[in-house]
Amino acid sequence: MQHGWYDRRVRQIRDLSCGDTRVYLEFEVRRVLCPSCGKVKRERLEFLANNPFYTKRFAYYVGRRCRSATIKDVAKELKLDWHTVKELDKQYMKAQLAKAGKPRPKVIGIDEVSIRKGHTYRIVVSDLERTRPIWFGGADRSEQSMRQFFDELGKPKSDRIRLAVMDMWKPFRNATEACAPQAAILYDKFHVMGHLGKALDQVRKSEYGRLAGKDRRFIKGQKYTLLSRRENLSLEGRQALKTLLGVNKRLNTAYLLKESFGQLWSYEREGWAIRFFENWKMALKWQRLRPYEKFAEMIERHWDGVAAYSRPENKVSLGFVEGLNNKIRVIQRRAYGLRDEEYLRLKILTSMLPEL
């Protein structure tokens, strides 16, 4: 036990403001001489932030503001340096992660996110039961990068994973099958429907190329009208869609087949899902929809991962991963491209956590 002190000094630190008035706390900070190592050490004060010029509650206030505003706006509002706001926000997010605890997922969602132009990707893994991202990393979207997640998670926790939701990217599947062989693979509905949407757009382009003159006017500029769900269209969009489908039989057939395919995820038995898919393939006969035939062949090759959703134990929220991607795009857009990848990692991992 240390009695007395080596020296002491009076310091002022910034605390939460009162209205539009800044508040500073004045107190003594003592240093003591350690009898064990002979070094002079400063006493540790729990109410101080990592930056010793601010209280921890002020740092947490800055972090809460940064959840909905840019660093630049928060710095201007609180009359702080840009780098100070960023460091206080980092401390806040690290405290959020510490409170959330280490992940022990049973159902994971795997997706990639583009962090800059030039096909530069990072992998995001989410806990779908607790609806929160738990890992952001890798050098790209390769199998080796995916294995980094399982290595950091550890074998005991990897063995607890019973379901992995992903797109039809082979390296993700290979890494999961190697590191968590007991986990069932489920392909994300939104990525599957995205492939079908691309097939529909190829049909639209082929029809535009086949027709000439005035016959093209109904197709031109209607890409997103075709790809959107009918209930999401405006009144004008619905009228344009009705006109387009009324004058072009192939596009009408392709659109109806695309809309009906979503029914596949409503079945609770794999046998019913197989019967539906076989009937859907039969409807393609004599329709001259080659992009749809390629799509059907792709689904056949990956059938196990598509049909896995029909099992009762695999009924999970498939919209979370897509919603997280939208949230990440908002974070990147608000920051006009984050150059600090560690800061981006913290932003993503805390995006679904409650405030402190």
Protein backbone atom coordinates (compact mmCIF):
# COMPACT_ATOMS: atom_id res chain seq x y z
CA MET A 1 0.00 0.00 0.00
CA GLN A 2 1.28 3.47 -0.93
CA HIS A 3 1.05 6.30 1.62
CA GLY A 4 1.29 9.92 0.45
CA TRP A 5 2.13 10.98 -3.06
CA TYR A 6 5.05 11.94 -5.25
CA ASP A 7 3.49 15.19 -6.49
CA ARG A 8 0.12 16.64 -7.40
CA ARG A 9 -1.30 19.19 -9.79
CA VAL A 10 -4.63 20.87 -10.47
CA ARG A 11 -6.27 20.10 -13.81
CA GLN A 12 -9.38 21.16 -15.70
CA ILE A 13 -11.35 18.79 -17.94
CA ARG A 14 -14.46 19.30 -20.02
CA ASP A 15 -17.74 17.74 -18.90
CA LEU A 16 -21.30 17.74 -20.28
CA SER A 17 -22.57 21.23 -21.07
CA CYS A 18 -25.41 22.91 -19.22
CA GLY A 19 -27.61 24.37 -21.93
CA ASP A 20 -25.27 26.41 -24.17
CA THR A 21 -22.70 26.85 -21.38
CA ARG A 22 -19.60 24.68 -21.31
CA VAL A 23 -18.84 22.98 -18.00
CA TYR A 24 -15.34 22.18 -16.75
CA LEU A 25 -14.35 20.14 -13.72
CA GLU A 26 -11.36 21.22 -11.63
CA PHE A 27 -9.60 18.59 -9.50
CA GLU A 28 -6.26 17.36 -8.25
CA VAL A 29 -4.34 14.62 -10.02
CA ARG A 30 -1.73 12.85 -7.93
CA ARG A 31 1.31 10.85 -8.91
CA VAL A 32 2.84 8.19 -6.68
CA LEU A 33 6.23 6.53 -6.54
CA CYS A 34 5.84 2.76 -6.98
CA PRO A 35 7.97 0.99 -4.38
CA SER A 36 8.10 -2.18 -6.52
CA CYS A 37 9.44 -0.82 -9.81
CA GLY A 38 10.65 2.61 -8.70
CA LYS A 39 8.62 4.39 -11.40
CA VAL A 40 6.37 7.41 -10.92
CA LYS A 41 2.77 6.60 -11.92
CA ARG A 42 -0.37 8.67 -12.16
CA GLU A 43 -3.45 7.59 -10.26
CA ARG A 44 -6.22 6.07 -12.39
CA LEU A 45 -9.51 7.98 -12.38
CA GLU A 46 -12.49 6.03 -13.73
CA PHE A 47 -14.46 9.13 -14.74
CA LEU A 48 -11.74 10.24 -17.21
CA ALA A 49 -11.92 9.38 -20.91
CA ASN A 50 -8.91 7.93 -22.72
CA ASN A 51 -8.26 11.50 -23.76
CA PRO A 52 -7.47 13.01 -20.32
CA PHE A 53 -8.97 16.40 -21.21
CA TYR A 54 -12.57 15.07 -21.16
CA THR A 55 -14.80 13.07 -18.84
CA LYS A 56 -16.01 9.64 -19.86
CA ARG A 57 -19.65 10.75 -19.90
CA PHE A 58 -18.72 13.60 -22.27
CA ALA A 59 -16.95 11.07 -24.52
CA TYR A 60 -20.06 8.90 -24.51
CA TYR A 61 -22.21 11.90 -25.40
CA VAL A 62 -19.94 12.57 -28.39
CA GLY A 63 -20.25 8.90 -29.38
CA ARG A 64 -24.04 9.02 -29.23
CA ARG A 65 -24.09 12.13 -31.43
CA CYS A 66 -21.78 10.43 -33.96
CA ARG A 67 -24.33 7.63 -34.44
CA SER A 68 -26.56 10.00 -36.40
CA ALA A 69 -24.23 12.84 -37.48
CA THR A 70 -20.87 13.20 -39.22
CA ILE A 71 -17.65 13.81 -37.31
CA LYS A 72 -17.41 17.22 -38.96
CA ASP A 73 -20.88 18.27 -37.80
CA VAL A 74 -20.29 17.07 -34.22
CA ALA A 75 -16.92 18.84 -34.09
CA LYS A 76 -18.54 22.09 -35.26
CA GLU A 77 -21.42 21.76 -32.79
CA LEU A 78 -19.20 21.09 -29.76
CA LYS A 79 -16.27 23.32 -30.82
CA LEU A 80 -13.85 20.38 -30.91
CA ASP A 81 -11.06 19.27 -33.21
CA TRP A 82 -12.10 16.70 -35.87
CA HIS A 83 -9.51 14.16 -34.67
CA THR A 84 -10.63 14.60 -31.04
CA VAL A 85 -14.23 13.74 -31.96
CA LYS A 86 -13.09 10.69 -33.88
CA GLU A 87 -11.00 9.35 -30.97
CA LEU A 88 -13.80 9.94 -28.45
CA ASP A 89 -16.22 8.15 -30.79
CA LYS A 90 -13.81 5.20 -31.01
CA GLN A 91 -13.69 4.96 -27.21
CA TYR A 92 -17.49 4.98 -27.08
CA MET A 93 -17.80 2.20 -29.68
CA LYS A 94 -15.17 0.04 -27.97
CA ALA A 95 -17.16 0.39 -24.73
CA GLN A 96 -20.30 -0.72 -26.60
CA LEU A 97 -18.54 -3.85 -27.88
CA ALA A 98 -17.14 -4.62 -24.43
CA LYS A 99 -20.63 -4.42 -22.93
CA ALA A 100 -22.12 -6.61 -25.69
CA GLY A 101 -19.64 -9.38 -24.85
CA LYS A 102 -17.92 -11.93 -27.06
CA PRO A 103 -20.17 -13.51 -29.71
CA ARG A 104 -21.37 -17.11 -29.43
CA PRO A 105 -23.49 -17.41 -32.60
CA LYS A 106 -25.67 -20.36 -33.60
CA VAL A 107 -27.04 -18.84 -36.82
CA ILE A 108 -24.73 -16.64 -38.90
CA GLY A 109 -25.20 -14.52 -42.01
CA ILE A 110 -22.22 -14.04 -44.35
CA ASP A 111 -21.91 -11.28 -46.91
CA GLU A 112 -19.28 -9.08 -48.53
CA VAL A 113 -19.18 -5.28 -48.58
CA SER A 114 -17.30 -3.09 -51.04
CA ILE A 115 -15.18 -0.54 -49.17
CA ARG A 116 -13.81 1.33 -52.20
CA LYS A 117 -13.70 1.20 -55.99
CA GLY A 118 -11.68 -1.47 -57.74
CA HIS A 119 -13.38 -4.58 -56.34
CA THR A 120 -11.97 -4.11 -52.82
CA TYR A 121 -14.11 -6.22 -50.51
CA ARG A 122 -14.33 -7.08 -46.84
CA ILE A 123 -16.46 -9.82 -45.26
CA VAL A 124 -19.21 -9.09 -42.75
CA VAL A 125 -20.52 -11.90 -40.51
CA SER A 126 -23.69 -11.39 -38.46
CA ASP A 127 -25.41 -13.20 -35.61
CA LEU A 128 -28.91 -13.57 -37.08
CA GLU A 129 -30.54 -14.60 -33.80
CA ARG A 130 -29.30 -11.52 -31.96
CA THR A 131 -29.49 -9.38 -35.12
CA ARG A 132 -26.06 -7.80 -34.86
CA PRO A 133 -22.85 -7.92 -36.94
CA ILE A 134 -20.08 -9.73 -35.07
CA TRP A 135 -17.09 -9.69 -37.46
CA PHE A 136 -15.67 -7.44 -40.16
CA GLY A 137 -12.40 -8.32 -41.83
CA GLY A 138 -10.44 -10.30 -44.36
CA ALA A 139 -8.34 -8.95 -47.22
CA ASP A 140 -10.94 -9.85 -49.87
CA ARG A 141 -13.83 -12.31 -50.25
CA SER A 142 -11.65 -15.40 -50.69
CA GLU A 143 -11.87 -18.68 -48.80
CA GLN A 144 -8.71 -17.79 -46.88
CA SER A 145 -10.27 -14.51 -45.67
CA MET A 146 -13.46 -16.34 -44.65
CA ARG A 147 -11.42 -18.82 -42.63
CA GLN A 148 -10.04 -15.91 -40.57
CA PHE A 149 -13.46 -15.49 -38.99
CA PHE A 150 -13.62 -19.11 -37.86
CA ASP A 151 -10.02 -18.97 -36.62
CA GLU A 152 -10.80 -15.92 -34.47
CA LEU A 153 -14.07 -17.45 -33.27
CA GLY A 154 -12.31 -20.66 -32.24
CA LYS A 155 -13.26 -24.28 -32.81
CA PRO A 156 -15.58 -24.71 -29.77
CA LYS A 157 -17.73 -21.76 -30.84
CA SER A 158 -17.55 -22.73 -34.54
CA ASP A 159 -18.91 -26.15 -33.60
CA ARG A 160 -22.01 -24.46 -32.07
CA ILE A 161 -23.05 -22.93 -35.42
CA ARG A 162 -26.06 -24.83 -36.80
CA LEU A 163 -26.97 -22.63 -39.79
CA ALA A 164 -25.03 -20.32 -42.15
CA VAL A 165 -26.91 -17.97 -44.49
CA MET A 166 -24.92 -16.71 -47.50
CA ASP A 167 -25.05 -15.97 -51.21
CA MET A 168 -23.98 -18.55 -53.77
CA TRP A 169 -20.30 -17.60 -53.54
CA LYS A 170 -18.27 -20.82 -53.52
CA PRO A 171 -15.37 -19.65 -51.25
CA PHE A 172 -17.86 -18.83 -48.45
CA ARG A 173 -19.39 -22.28 -48.68
CA ASN A 174 -16.02 -24.06 -48.84
CA ALA A 175 -14.71 -22.26 -45.75
CA THR A 176 -17.92 -22.92 -43.80
CA GLU A 177 -18.03 -26.61 -44.71
CA ALA A 178 -14.38 -26.99 -43.68
CA CYS A 179 -14.51 -25.05 -40.39
CA ALA A 180 -18.14 -25.68 -39.32
CA PRO A 181 -19.13 -28.95 -41.04
CA GLN A 182 -22.17 -29.43 -38.79
CA ALA A 183 -23.76 -26.16 -40.01
CA ALA A 184 -26.50 -26.32 -42.65
CA ILE A 185 -25.99 -23.98 -45.64
CA LEU A 186 -28.88 -21.69 -46.59
CA TYR A 187 -28.71 -19.37 -49.60
CA ASP A 188 -30.05 -15.91 -48.97
CA LYS A 189 -33.42 -15.31 -50.65
CA PHE A 190 -32.52 -11.74 -51.61
CA HIS A 191 -29.39 -12.82 -53.47
CA VAL A 192 -31.29 -15.59 -55.27
CA MET A 193 -34.03 -13.15 -56.30
CA GLY A 194 -31.28 -10.75 -57.37
CA HIS A 195 -30.04 -13.35 -59.88
CA LEU A 196 -33.60 -13.74 -61.15
CA GLY A 197 -33.90 -9.97 -61.48
CA LYS A 198 -30.75 -9.94 -63.63
CA ALA A 199 -32.30 -12.66 -65.82
CA LEU A 200 -35.42 -10.52 -66.25
CA ASP A 201 -33.29 -7.53 -67.24
CA GLN A 202 -31.50 -9.65 -69.86
CA VAL A 203 -34.90 -10.55 -71.32
CA ARG A 204 -35.78 -6.84 -71.38
CA LYS A 205 -32.55 -6.00 -73.21
CA SER A 206 -33.07 -8.79 -75.76
CA GLU A 207 -36.60 -7.57 -76.45
CA TYR A 208 -35.35 -4.00 -76.88
CA GLY A 209 -32.76 -5.24 -79.36
CA ARG A 210 -35.28 -7.39 -81.23
CA LEU A 211 -37.81 -4.62 -81.74
CA ALA A 212 -37.39 -1.48 -83.81
CA GLY A 213 -38.92 1.95 -84.18
CA LYS A 214 -42.01 2.87 -82.17
CA ASP A 215 -42.31 -0.63 -80.68
CA ARG A 216 -39.32 0.17 -78.46
CA ARG A 217 -40.93 3.13 -76.72
CA PHE A 218 -42.77 0.99 -74.15
CA ILE A 219 -39.53 -0.75 -73.06
CA LYS A 220 -37.15 2.21 -73.01
CA GLY A 221 -36.45 3.49 -69.49
CA GLN A 222 -38.56 0.80 -67.76
CA LYS A 223 -35.74 -1.26 -66.21
CA TYR A 224 -36.53 -0.39 -62.58
CA THR A 225 -40.27 -0.50 -63.22
CA LEU A 226 -39.88 -4.17 -64.19
CA LEU A 227 -37.50 -5.04 -61.36
CA SER A 228 -39.53 -3.38 -58.58
CA ARG A 229 -42.36 -5.09 -56.77
CA ARG A 230 -45.76 -3.89 -57.92
CA GLU A 231 -46.74 -2.61 -54.44
CA ASN A 232 -43.60 -0.43 -54.33
CA LEU A 233 -44.43 1.40 -57.55
CA SER A 234 -46.13 4.77 -57.77
CA LEU A 235 -49.44 5.11 -59.61
CA GLU A 236 -47.56 6.31 -62.70
CA GLY A 237 -45.16 3.35 -62.43
CA ARG A 238 -48.03 0.86 -62.18
CA GLN A 239 -49.68 2.32 -65.27
CA ALA A 240 -46.38 2.12 -67.20
CA LEU A 241 -45.92 -1.49 -66.07
CA LYS A 242 -49.47 -2.43 -67.09
CA THR A 243 -48.94 -0.89 -70.53
CA LEU A 244 -45.57 -2.61 -71.01
CA LEU A 245 -46.83 -6.06 -70.01
CA GLY A 246 -49.91 -5.62 -72.16
CA VAL A 247 -47.97 -4.97 -75.38
CA ASN A 248 -45.06 -7.43 -74.90
CA LYS A 249 -45.99 -11.06 -74.31
CA ARG A 250 -42.45 -12.32 -73.52
CA LEU A 251 -41.86 -9.63 -70.91
CA ASN A 252 -45.28 -10.32 -69.43
CA THR A 253 -44.43 -14.03 -69.09
CA ALA A 254 -40.99 -13.27 -67.65
CA TYR A 255 -42.43 -10.81 -65.13
CA LEU A 256 -45.13 -13.24 -63.92
CA LEU A 257 -42.57 -16.05 -63.56
CA LYS A 258 -40.29 -13.75 -61.55
CA GLU A 259 -43.10 -12.67 -59.21
CA SER A 260 -44.30 -16.24 -58.66
CA PHE A 261 -40.84 -17.61 -57.84
CA GLY A 262 -40.87 -15.88 -54.44
CA GLN A 263 -43.52 -18.38 -53.35
CA LEU A 264 -40.74 -20.99 -53.04
CA TRP A 265 -39.78 -19.68 -49.58
CA SER A 266 -43.29 -20.11 -48.18
CA TYR A 267 -43.25 -23.93 -48.16
CA GLU A 268 -42.64 -25.80 -44.91
CA ARG A 269 -41.72 -29.15 -46.46
CA GLU A 270 -38.98 -29.77 -48.98
CA GLY A 271 -41.21 -32.08 -51.04
CA TRP A 272 -43.69 -29.26 -51.64
CA ALA A 273 -40.83 -26.91 -52.56
CA ILE A 274 -39.48 -29.45 -55.08
CA ARG A 275 -42.93 -29.86 -56.65
CA PHE A 276 -43.32 -26.08 -56.96
CA PHE A 277 -39.88 -25.69 -58.57
CA GLU A 278 -40.54 -28.50 -61.05
CA ASN A 279 -43.83 -26.85 -62.06
CA TRP A 280 -42.05 -23.49 -62.36
CA LYS A 281 -39.46 -25.06 -64.70
CA MET A 282 -42.22 -26.65 -66.78
CA ALA A 283 -43.71 -23.19 -67.32
CA LEU A 284 -40.44 -22.17 -69.04
CA LYS A 285 -40.93 -24.63 -71.89
CA TRP A 286 -41.45 -23.07 -75.32
CA GLN A 287 -41.09 -19.55 -73.85
CA ARG A 288 -37.66 -18.81 -75.41
CA LEU A 289 -36.40 -17.32 -72.12
CA ARG A 290 -32.78 -18.49 -72.16
CA PRO A 291 -31.69 -16.29 -69.17
CA TYR A 292 -34.45 -17.96 -67.10
CA GLU A 293 -33.33 -21.41 -68.19
CA LYS A 294 -29.78 -20.59 -67.02
CA PHE A 295 -31.21 -19.36 -63.73
CA ALA A 296 -33.14 -22.61 -63.27
CA GLU A 297 -29.96 -24.60 -63.96
CA MET A 298 -28.12 -22.57 -61.32
CA ILE A 299 -30.89 -23.26 -58.75
CA GLU A 300 -30.69 -26.98 -59.52
CA ARG A 301 -26.93 -26.96 -58.86
CA HIS A 302 -27.47 -25.20 -55.52
CA TRP A 303 -30.78 -26.81 -54.58
CA ASP A 304 -29.73 -28.03 -51.12
CA GLY A 305 -28.91 -24.49 -50.01
CA VAL A 306 -32.16 -23.08 -51.44
CA ALA A 307 -34.49 -25.78 -50.10
CA ALA A 308 -32.92 -25.65 -46.62
CA TYR A 309 -35.32 -22.83 -45.73
CA SER A 310 -38.30 -25.20 -45.98
CA ARG A 311 -37.15 -27.01 -42.82
CA PRO A 312 -38.82 -25.60 -39.69
CA GLU A 313 -35.55 -25.25 -37.74
CA ASN A 314 -34.14 -22.97 -40.47
CA LYS A 315 -36.87 -20.31 -40.35
CA VAL A 316 -34.76 -17.19 -39.72
CA SER A 317 -35.08 -13.55 -40.71
CA LEU A 318 -33.45 -13.33 -44.13
CA GLY A 319 -33.94 -9.57 -44.40
CA PHE A 320 -31.42 -8.65 -41.71
CA VAL A 321 -28.28 -9.15 -43.84
CA GLU A 322 -29.73 -7.02 -46.66
CA GLY A 323 -30.84 -4.38 -44.15
CA LEU A 324 -27.33 -4.32 -42.67
CA ASN A 325 -25.87 -3.77 -46.14
CA ASN A 326 -28.12 -0.74 -46.58
CA LYS A 327 -27.00 0.57 -43.19
CA ILE A 328 -23.34 0.14 -44.15
CA ARG A 329 -23.91 2.08 -47.38
CA VAL A 330 -25.45 4.91 -45.33
CA ILE A 331 -22.41 4.92 -43.00
CA GLN A 332 -20.04 5.09 -45.98
CA ARG A 333 -22.08 7.76 -47.74
CA ARG A 334 -22.31 9.92 -44.61
CA ALA A 335 -18.53 9.74 -44.18
CA TYR A 336 -17.81 10.30 -47.91
CA GLY A 337 -15.58 7.22 -47.90
CA LEU A 338 -13.88 6.19 -44.66
CA ARG A 339 -10.10 5.91 -45.08
CA ASP A 340 -9.63 4.57 -41.55
CA GLU A 341 -10.66 0.93 -41.89
CA GLU A 342 -10.56 0.33 -38.13
CA TYR A 343 -13.06 3.16 -37.65
CA LEU A 344 -15.30 1.64 -40.33
CA ARG A 345 -15.04 -1.74 -38.60
CA LEU A 346 -16.16 -0.25 -35.28
CA LYS A 347 -19.02 1.62 -36.97
CA ILE A 348 -20.32 -1.56 -38.59
CA LEU A 349 -19.97 -3.76 -35.50
CA THR A 350 -21.82 -1.23 -33.30
CA SER A 351 -24.46 -0.19 -35.83
CA MET A 352 -27.09 -2.48 -34.27
CA LEU A 353 -26.02 -2.19 -30.63
CA PRO A 354 -28.03 -0.10 -28.11
CA GLU A 355 -26.71 3.24 -26.93
CA LEU A 356 -24.70 3.52 -23.72
